[in-house]
Amino acid sequence: MKKIIFSDLDGTLINREQKELHEGNFEAIKKWREAGNLFVLCTGRNPIDILPTLKMCDIEFDYLVLCNGASLYDQQLNCVYEKQFPLELGKHILHECAKNKEMITFYCDQKELVMQQNGSVVVCDNQGQTHKITSGKTFDQYVDEADCFRM
């Protein structure tokens, strides 16, 4: 009978520098999976934000639970399940949060992650790479153009 382990990522398997906290963890995960069991990584991160970490850290997994449970991805990073905010509610929440310039406000849609931090807007592509730091387009304009919001 297969068994399954769900594990947090940040602060549990890796630290802020995306380095292993305990050397034997990744080897134990590998042995667990070789025995026919499943290993699931869980994080509050979104699909775009997790990609650079997965590329840097050689963590074997069967599924990813992202966005605090709002989405589930398989090994090939195919979305198996996703819950999105209703569009108008998401826009309202993001516009309200963006009023506080001391708060980091961001959203993730199907194609990019858009973040407002210290008055600047940063856009990361769906591979997790920062491809523009804008000065002309406001965060609110990006929000108004979005067609969905991942939780």
C-alpha atoms as a PDB file:
ATOM      1  CA  MET A   1       0.000   0.000   0.000  1.00  0.00           C
ATOM      2  CA  LYS A   2       1.377   3.425  -0.989  1.00  0.00           C
ATOM      3  CA  LYS A   3       1.951   6.010   1.671  1.00  0.00           C
ATOM      4  CA  ILE A   4       2.114   9.771   1.274  1.00  0.00           C
ATOM      5  CA  ILE A   5       4.041  12.531   3.043  1.00  0.00           C
ATOM      6  CA  PHE A   6       3.113  16.218   2.764  1.00  0.00           C
ATOM      7  CA  SER A   7       5.918  18.618   3.687  1.00  0.00           C
ATOM      8  CA  ASP A   8       6.260  22.365   3.922  1.00  0.00           C
ATOM      9  CA  LEU A   9       9.167  23.771   1.918  1.00  0.00           C
ATOM     10  CA  ASP A  10      10.425  27.094   3.276  1.00  0.00           C
ATOM     11  CA  GLY A  11      11.935  26.810   6.725  1.00  0.00           C
ATOM     12  CA  THR A  12      11.355  23.062   6.740  1.00  0.00           C
ATOM     13  CA  LEU A  13      13.401  21.615   3.859  1.00  0.00           C
ATOM     14  CA  ILE A  14      15.229  24.749   2.719  1.00  0.00           C
ATOM     15  CA  ASN A  15      16.174  28.081   4.289  1.00  0.00           C
ATOM     16  CA  ARG A  16      15.923  31.613   2.895  1.00  0.00           C
ATOM     17  CA  GLU A  17      19.049  31.089   0.783  1.00  0.00           C
ATOM     18  CA  GLN A  18      17.298  28.085  -0.800  1.00  0.00           C
ATOM     19  CA  LYS A  19      19.793  25.700   0.764  1.00  0.00           C
ATOM     20  CA  GLU A  20      18.995  22.446   2.513  1.00  0.00           C
ATOM     21  CA  LEU A  21      18.412  22.725   6.249  1.00  0.00           C
ATOM     22  CA  HIS A  22      19.413  19.122   6.909  1.00  0.00           C
ATOM     23  CA  GLU A  23      21.686  17.232   4.536  1.00  0.00           C
ATOM     24  CA  GLY A  24      19.858  13.924   4.776  1.00  0.00           C
ATOM     25  CA  ASN A  25      16.381  15.226   3.929  1.00  0.00           C
ATOM     26  CA  PHE A  26      16.637  15.027   0.154  1.00  0.00           C
ATOM     27  CA  GLU A  27      18.233  11.566   0.301  1.00  0.00           C
ATOM     28  CA  ALA A  28      15.454  10.372   2.629  1.00  0.00           C
ATOM     29  CA  ILE A  29      12.838  11.751   0.216  1.00  0.00           C
ATOM     30  CA  LYS A  30      14.514   9.900  -2.647  1.00  0.00           C
ATOM     31  CA  LYS A  31      14.502   6.600  -0.713  1.00  0.00           C
ATOM     32  CA  TRP A  32      10.867   7.155   0.321  1.00  0.00           C
ATOM     33  CA  ARG A  33       9.841   7.587  -3.308  1.00  0.00           C
ATOM     34  CA  GLU A  34      11.986   4.654  -4.489  1.00  0.00           C
ATOM     35  CA  ALA A  35       9.993   2.499  -2.055  1.00  0.00           C
ATOM     36  CA  GLY A  36       6.869   3.398  -4.054  1.00  0.00           C
ATOM     37  CA  ASN A  37       5.559   6.133  -1.796  1.00  0.00           C
ATOM     38  CA  LEU A  38       4.443   9.657  -2.699  1.00  0.00           C
ATOM     39  CA  PHE A  39       6.012  12.931  -1.606  1.00  0.00           C
ATOM     40  CA  VAL A  40       4.132  16.244  -1.851  1.00  0.00           C
ATOM     41  CA  LEU A  41       5.676  19.671  -1.393  1.00  0.00           C
ATOM     42  CA  CYS A  42       3.374  22.295   0.136  1.00  0.00           C
ATOM     43  CA  THR A  43       3.913  26.031   0.161  1.00  0.00           C
ATOM     44  CA  GLY A  44       2.114  29.335   0.155  1.00  0.00           C
ATOM     45  CA  ARG A  45       4.069  30.260  -2.957  1.00  0.00           C
ATOM     46  CA  ASN A  46       2.428  30.558  -6.348  1.00  0.00           C
ATOM     47  CA  PRO A  47       3.356  28.590  -9.508  1.00  0.00           C
ATOM     48  CA  ILE A  48       5.632  31.313 -10.887  1.00  0.00           C
ATOM     49  CA  ASP A  49       7.434  31.981  -7.611  1.00  0.00           C
ATOM     50  CA  ILE A  50       8.254  28.312  -6.976  1.00  0.00           C
ATOM     51  CA  LEU A  51       9.965  27.622 -10.342  1.00  0.00           C
ATOM     52  CA  PRO A  52      13.387  29.158  -9.598  1.00  0.00           C
ATOM     53  CA  THR A  53      13.552  27.235  -6.309  1.00  0.00           C
ATOM     54  CA  LEU A  54      12.691  23.937  -7.992  1.00  0.00           C
ATOM     55  CA  LYS A  55      15.410  24.576 -10.582  1.00  0.00           C
ATOM     56  CA  MET A  56      17.985  25.371  -7.885  1.00  0.00           C
ATOM     57  CA  CYS A  57      17.132  22.623  -5.399  1.00  0.00           C
ATOM     58  CA  ASP A  58      17.044  19.027  -6.516  1.00  0.00           C
ATOM     59  CA  ILE A  59      13.902  18.057  -4.607  1.00  0.00           C
ATOM     60  CA  GLU A  60      12.093  15.015  -5.928  1.00  0.00           C
ATOM     61  CA  PHE A  61       8.315  15.263  -5.595  1.00  0.00           C
ATOM     62  CA  ASP A  62       5.125  13.759  -6.937  1.00  0.00           C
ATOM     63  CA  TYR A  63       2.849  16.759  -6.441  1.00  0.00           C
ATOM     64  CA  LEU A  64       3.029  20.417  -5.446  1.00  0.00           C
ATOM     65  CA  VAL A  65       0.343  22.016  -3.290  1.00  0.00           C
ATOM     66  CA  LEU A  66       0.709  25.752  -3.924  1.00  0.00           C
ATOM     67  CA  CYS A  67      -0.986  28.995  -2.906  1.00  0.00           C
ATOM     68  CA  ASN A  68      -1.822  27.583   0.530  1.00  0.00           C
ATOM     69  CA  GLY A  69      -3.884  24.807  -1.025  1.00  0.00           C
ATOM     70  CA  ALA A  70      -5.535  26.762  -3.847  1.00  0.00           C
ATOM     71  CA  SER A  71      -3.705  24.822  -6.578  1.00  0.00           C
ATOM     72  CA  LEU A  72      -2.266  21.362  -7.139  1.00  0.00           C
ATOM     73  CA  TYR A  73       0.397  20.485  -9.731  1.00  0.00           C
ATOM     74  CA  ASP A  74       1.860  17.153 -10.836  1.00  0.00           C
ATOM     75  CA  GLN A  75       5.547  16.257 -11.407  1.00  0.00           C
ATOM     76  CA  GLN A  76       5.494  17.764 -14.896  1.00  0.00           C
ATOM     77  CA  LEU A  77       4.086  21.010 -13.438  1.00  0.00           C
ATOM     78  CA  ASN A  78       0.695  20.475 -15.033  1.00  0.00           C
ATOM     79  CA  CYS A  79      -2.141  22.049 -13.073  1.00  0.00           C
ATOM     80  CA  VAL A  80      -4.405  19.328 -11.680  1.00  0.00           C
ATOM     81  CA  TYR A  81      -6.639  21.642  -9.602  1.00  0.00           C
ATOM     82  CA  GLU A  82      -6.915  25.377  -9.115  1.00  0.00           C
ATOM     83  CA  LYS A  83      -9.237  27.754  -7.309  1.00  0.00           C
ATOM     84  CA  GLN A  84      -9.228  31.385  -8.448  1.00  0.00           C
ATOM     85  CA  PHE A  85     -10.705  34.516  -6.925  1.00  0.00           C
ATOM     86  CA  PRO A  86     -13.738  35.893  -8.745  1.00  0.00           C
ATOM     87  CA  LEU A  87     -12.308  38.560 -11.055  1.00  0.00           C
ATOM     88  CA  GLU A  88     -14.087  41.614  -9.641  1.00  0.00           C
ATOM     89  CA  LEU A  89     -13.411  40.583  -6.033  1.00  0.00           C
ATOM     90  CA  GLY A  90      -9.715  40.068  -6.827  1.00  0.00           C
ATOM     91  CA  LYS A  91      -9.471  43.504  -8.459  1.00  0.00           C
ATOM     92  CA  HIS A  92     -11.163  45.148  -5.498  1.00  0.00           C
ATOM     93  CA  ILE A  93      -8.859  43.470  -2.971  1.00  0.00           C
ATOM     94  CA  LEU A  94      -5.706  44.261  -4.950  1.00  0.00           C
ATOM     95  CA  HIS A  95      -6.664  47.908  -5.511  1.00  0.00           C
ATOM     96  CA  GLU A  96      -7.301  48.319  -1.781  1.00  0.00           C
ATOM     97  CA  CYS A  97      -4.024  46.637  -0.810  1.00  0.00           C
ATOM     98  CA  ALA A  98      -2.058  48.689  -3.362  1.00  0.00           C
ATOM     99  CA  LYS A  99      -3.087  51.896  -1.575  1.00  0.00           C
ATOM    100  CA  ASN A 100      -0.663  50.991   1.234  1.00  0.00           C
ATOM    101  CA  LYS A 101       2.725  51.649  -0.398  1.00  0.00           C
ATOM    102  CA  GLU A 102       4.558  50.025   2.544  1.00  0.00           C
ATOM    103  CA  MET A 103       2.910  46.688   1.791  1.00  0.00           C
ATOM    104  CA  ILE A 104       4.239  44.346  -0.876  1.00  0.00           C
ATOM    105  CA  THR A 105       1.222  43.624  -3.054  1.00  0.00           C
ATOM    106  CA  PHE A 106       1.247  41.051  -5.819  1.00  0.00           C
ATOM    107  CA  TYR A 107      -0.885  38.719  -7.861  1.00  0.00           C
ATOM    108  CA  CYS A 108      -0.293  35.828 -10.166  1.00  0.00           C
ATOM    109  CA  ASP A 109      -2.391  35.164 -13.241  1.00  0.00           C
ATOM    110  CA  GLN A 110      -1.952  32.604 -16.016  1.00  0.00           C
ATOM    111  CA  LYS A 111       1.043  34.346 -17.581  1.00  0.00           C
ATOM    112  CA  GLU A 112       2.946  36.433 -15.036  1.00  0.00           C
ATOM    113  CA  LEU A 113       3.446  37.601 -11.472  1.00  0.00           C
ATOM    114  CA  VAL A 114       3.041  41.347 -10.943  1.00  0.00           C
ATOM    115  CA  MET A 115       4.318  42.908  -7.727  1.00  0.00           C
ATOM    116  CA  GLN A 116       4.269  46.398  -6.263  1.00  0.00           C
ATOM    117  CA  GLN A 117       7.044  47.076  -3.795  1.00  0.00           C
ATOM    118  CA  ASN A 118       8.178  50.493  -2.541  1.00  0.00           C
ATOM    119  CA  GLY A 119       6.291  52.208  -5.368  1.00  0.00           C
ATOM    120  CA  SER A 120       7.933  50.139  -8.128  1.00  0.00           C
ATOM    121  CA  VAL A 121       6.232  47.498 -10.236  1.00  0.00           C
ATOM    122  CA  VAL A 122       8.110  44.261 -10.943  1.00  0.00           C
ATOM    123  CA  VAL A 123       6.865  41.701 -13.478  1.00  0.00           C
ATOM    124  CA  CYS A 124       8.077  38.071 -13.560  1.00  0.00           C
ATOM    125  CA  ASP A 125       7.275  35.765 -16.453  1.00  0.00           C
ATOM    126  CA  ASN A 126       5.724  32.316 -16.064  1.00  0.00           C
ATOM    127  CA  GLN A 127       9.207  30.813 -15.664  1.00  0.00           C
ATOM    128  CA  GLY A 128       9.888  32.945 -12.577  1.00  0.00           C
ATOM    129  CA  GLN A 129      12.316  35.290 -14.321  1.00  0.00           C
ATOM    130  CA  THR A 130      12.071  39.049 -13.741  1.00  0.00           C
ATOM    131  CA  HIS A 131      11.693  40.533 -17.165  1.00  0.00           C
ATOM    132  CA  LYS A 132      10.771  44.112 -16.443  1.00  0.00           C
ATOM    133  CA  ILE A 133      10.727  46.670 -13.712  1.00  0.00           C
ATOM    134  CA  THR A 134       8.297  49.261 -14.916  1.00  0.00           C
ATOM    135  CA  SER A 135       7.982  52.914 -14.231  1.00  0.00           C
ATOM    136  CA  GLY A 136       5.291  53.918 -16.738  1.00  0.00           C
ATOM    137  CA  LYS A 137       2.557  51.379 -16.045  1.00  0.00           C
ATOM    138  CA  THR A 138       1.054  51.358 -12.566  1.00  0.00           C
ATOM    139  CA  PHE A 139       0.201  48.307 -10.511  1.00  0.00           C
ATOM    140  CA  ASP A 140      -3.478  49.303 -10.701  1.00  0.00           C
ATOM    141  CA  GLN A 141      -3.269  49.308 -14.514  1.00  0.00           C
ATOM    142  CA  TYR A 142      -1.854  45.766 -14.481  1.00  0.00           C
ATOM    143  CA  VAL A 143      -4.646  44.709 -12.108  1.00  0.00           C
ATOM    144  CA  ASP A 144      -7.307  46.223 -14.383  1.00  0.00           C
ATOM    145  CA  GLU A 145      -5.917  44.298 -17.386  1.00  0.00           C
ATOM    146  CA  ALA A 146      -5.707  40.916 -15.616  1.00  0.00           C
ATOM    147  CA  ASP A 147      -8.250  38.266 -16.565  1.00  0.00           C
ATOM    148  CA  CYS A 148      -7.834  36.041 -13.480  1.00  0.00           C
ATOM    149  CA  PHE A 149      -6.197  35.922 -10.061  1.00  0.00           C
ATOM    150  CA  ARG A 150      -4.715  32.881  -8.418  1.00  0.00           C
ATOM    151  CA  MET A 151      -5.407  32.795  -4.712  1.00  0.00           C
END
